[in-house]
Protein backbone atom coordinates (compact mmCIF):
# COMPACT_ATOMS: atom_id res chain seq x y z
CA MET A 1 -17.74 -20.85 16.16
CA LYS A 2 -14.48 -21.76 16.64
CA GLU A 3 -12.22 -20.61 13.83
CA SER A 4 -8.90 -22.25 14.25
CA ILE A 5 -7.46 -24.92 12.56
CA LEU A 6 -5.74 -26.04 16.22
CA ASP A 7 -9.21 -25.62 17.61
CA VAL A 8 -10.62 -27.96 15.33
CA LEU A 9 -7.21 -30.45 15.53
CA LEU A 10 -7.35 -30.16 19.22
CA TYR A 11 -10.82 -31.27 19.72
CA LEU A 12 -10.21 -34.60 17.57
CA PHE A 13 -7.41 -35.38 19.72
CA GLU A 14 -8.24 -35.49 22.66
CA HIS A 15 -12.18 -37.12 21.94
CA TYR A 16 -10.69 -39.70 18.92
CA PHE A 17 -7.00 -39.97 18.14
CA THR A 18 -6.22 -42.03 21.61
CA ASP A 19 -9.24 -43.58 21.69
CA ASP A 20 -10.56 -44.52 17.83
CA ALA A 21 -7.21 -43.46 15.75
CA ASP A 22 -8.40 -45.43 12.75
CA LEU A 23 -11.41 -42.64 12.67
CA VAL A 24 -9.46 -39.71 12.44
CA ARG A 25 -6.83 -42.01 9.84
CA ASP A 26 -10.31 -41.96 7.68
CA ARG A 27 -10.58 -39.25 5.77
CA ASP A 28 -12.91 -40.20 3.44
CA SER A 29 -15.86 -40.52 6.76
CA LEU A 30 -14.19 -37.98 8.46
CA ARG A 31 -15.15 -35.63 5.65
CA SER A 32 -18.64 -36.67 5.47
CA GLY A 33 -19.41 -38.65 8.00
CA PRO A 34 -20.66 -38.34 11.93
CA LEU A 35 -17.96 -36.95 13.26
CA PHE A 36 -17.96 -34.59 10.72
CA GLU A 37 -21.30 -33.64 11.45
CA GLU A 38 -20.52 -33.70 15.18
CA LEU A 39 -17.58 -31.13 14.82
CA GLY A 40 -20.10 -29.31 12.97
CA GLN A 41 -22.65 -28.98 16.36
CA ALA A 42 -19.55 -28.18 18.27
CA GLY A 43 -18.89 -24.90 16.35
CA PHE A 44 -16.42 -26.10 13.60
CA SER A 45 -17.02 -24.46 10.25
CA PRO A 46 -16.84 -26.81 7.20
CA ALA A 47 -13.97 -24.47 6.18
CA GLU A 48 -12.31 -25.05 9.41
CA ILE A 49 -13.13 -28.50 10.00
CA ASN A 50 -11.72 -29.06 5.78
CA LYS A 51 -8.60 -27.33 6.67
CA ALA A 52 -7.98 -29.30 9.44
CA ILE A 53 -8.16 -32.41 7.63
CA GLU A 54 -5.72 -31.56 4.72
CA TRP A 55 -3.07 -30.70 7.37
CA LEU A 56 -3.76 -34.44 9.22
CA ASP A 57 -3.54 -35.30 5.74
CA ALA A 58 -0.19 -32.95 5.12
CA LEU A 59 1.29 -34.94 8.39
CA ALA A 60 0.52 -38.28 7.00
CA GLN A 61 2.19 -38.03 3.79
CA GLN A 62 5.31 -37.16 5.29
CA ARG A 63 5.40 -39.34 8.10
CA PRO A 64 8.90 -40.62 7.81
CA SER A 65 9.11 -44.51 7.39
CA VAL A 66 11.21 -44.93 10.65
CA SER A 67 12.65 -42.56 13.25
CA ARG A 68 16.83 -41.88 13.49
CA PRO A 69 17.92 -40.86 16.81
CA SER A 70 19.21 -37.52 17.27
CA ALA A 71 23.06 -37.49 16.37
CA GLY A 72 23.45 -33.79 17.62
CA GLY A 73 23.59 -32.57 13.92
CA PRO A 74 23.86 -28.55 12.94
CA THR A 75 21.62 -26.18 15.03
CA ARG A 76 19.02 -24.82 13.46
CA ILE A 77 18.98 -21.73 11.93
CA TYR A 78 15.09 -19.74 11.70
CA PHE A 79 14.07 -17.33 9.44
CA GLY A 80 11.55 -14.29 8.49
CA PRO A 81 7.68 -16.13 9.07
CA GLU A 82 9.46 -18.90 11.32
CA LEU A 83 10.68 -16.04 13.89
CA ASP A 84 7.46 -14.01 12.89
CA LYS A 85 4.99 -17.40 13.85
CA LEU A 86 7.71 -18.91 16.67
CA ASP A 87 8.40 -16.60 19.96
CA VAL A 88 12.37 -17.46 22.27
CA GLU A 89 10.64 -19.46 24.39
CA CYS A 90 8.91 -21.92 21.10
CA ARG A 91 12.64 -22.17 19.20
CA GLY A 92 13.90 -22.78 22.68
CA PHE A 93 11.86 -26.03 23.37
CA LEU A 94 12.10 -27.05 19.92
CA LEU A 95 16.07 -27.47 20.47
CA PHE A 96 15.42 -28.56 24.47
CA LEU A 97 13.37 -31.87 23.15
CA GLU A 98 16.04 -32.00 19.90
CA GLN A 99 18.97 -32.12 22.71
CA HIS A 100 17.48 -34.45 24.70
CA GLY A 101 16.05 -36.88 22.13
CA ILE A 102 12.23 -36.27 22.03
CA LEU A 103 12.79 -34.98 18.47
CA ASP A 104 15.01 -36.32 15.80
CA ALA A 105 15.87 -33.95 13.23
CA ASP A 106 13.06 -34.76 10.47
CA GLN A 107 10.90 -34.59 12.98
CA ARG A 108 12.22 -31.18 14.66
CA GLU A 109 11.32 -30.34 10.75
CA LEU A 110 8.03 -31.44 10.48
CA VAL A 111 6.91 -29.94 13.53
CA LEU A 112 8.17 -26.56 12.29
CA ASP A 113 6.18 -27.55 8.76
CA ARG A 114 3.11 -27.98 11.07
CA ALA A 115 3.26 -25.31 12.92
CA MET A 116 4.12 -23.40 9.97
CA ALA A 117 0.66 -24.75 8.06
CA LEU A 118 -1.23 -23.52 11.13
CA ASP A 119 -4.28 -20.01 10.11
CA GLN A 120 -2.60 -18.56 13.24
CA ASP A 121 0.20 -15.22 13.34
CA GLU A 122 1.70 -16.67 16.11
CA LEU A 123 1.79 -19.76 18.29
CA ASP A 124 2.50 -19.93 21.66
CA LEU A 125 4.28 -22.66 23.99
CA ASP A 126 1.19 -24.46 24.86
CA ASP A 127 -0.13 -24.59 21.29
CA LEU A 128 3.96 -25.53 19.91
CA LYS A 129 3.67 -28.86 21.90
CA TRP A 130 0.14 -29.35 20.99
CA VAL A 131 1.21 -29.64 17.64
CA VAL A 132 4.54 -31.61 18.77
CA LEU A 133 2.14 -34.08 20.40
CA MET A 134 0.17 -34.78 17.10
CA VAL A 135 3.59 -34.89 15.19
CA LEU A 136 4.96 -37.43 17.49
CA PHE A 137 1.42 -39.67 17.71
CA ASN A 138 1.93 -39.73 13.90
CA GLN A 139 5.77 -41.26 14.34
CA PRO A 140 6.59 -44.64 14.32
CA GLY A 141 8.94 -46.02 16.83
CA SER A 142 8.19 -42.42 19.26
CA GLU A 143 5.76 -44.75 21.44
CA ALA A 144 8.11 -43.21 24.20
CA ALA A 145 8.64 -39.80 23.41
CA TYR A 146 5.13 -39.47 22.59
CA ALA A 147 4.30 -41.01 26.30
CA TRP A 148 7.05 -38.31 27.75
CA MET A 149 5.51 -35.61 26.00
CA GLU A 150 2.28 -36.55 26.99
CA THR A 151 3.67 -36.23 30.68
CA GLN A 152 4.55 -32.88 30.18
CA MET A 153 1.29 -31.73 28.60
CA PHE A 154 -1.00 -33.80 31.66
CA GLU A 155 1.30 -33.36 34.68
CA ASP A 156 0.82 -30.49 37.39
CA GLU A 157 4.85 -31.39 37.63
CA PRO A 158 6.12 -32.70 34.29
CA GLU A 159 9.32 -34.82 34.72
CA PRO A 160 12.67 -33.82 34.10
CA VAL A 161 14.20 -35.44 30.90
CA HIS A 162 17.48 -37.89 31.99
């Protein structure tokens, strides 16, 4: 069985977010409808499915009303569990995204919150990119940043930031 919240989230993202986002946003049908059964048939345990739904709920509750452009604010200092979970490559990638206006400081903090909420001891860069993509998908006004990030995820040669 697949036993990771991130695995469930990736399955949902790859199969439903872009095609039927309303289905994923309807948490009641997600908890008890045919999608819940499909996730079970795909090999996910009910406990992991419920944890993934809770992760999505927390993401939706923390959505800022308006995305603000990055103003070149202070540098984020990572500590303790964040250093344990996110290696130098992941932290550097978040800094890169913020410096190039893909994420603002609030979105970066939301990405960090959702990354820390995953049931993994460590995240690699690919896992973090998926978290960023899911956060941007749920942010109003982040369509361009989402499109850029999606390009980075699915193209053989990612495009540079201008």
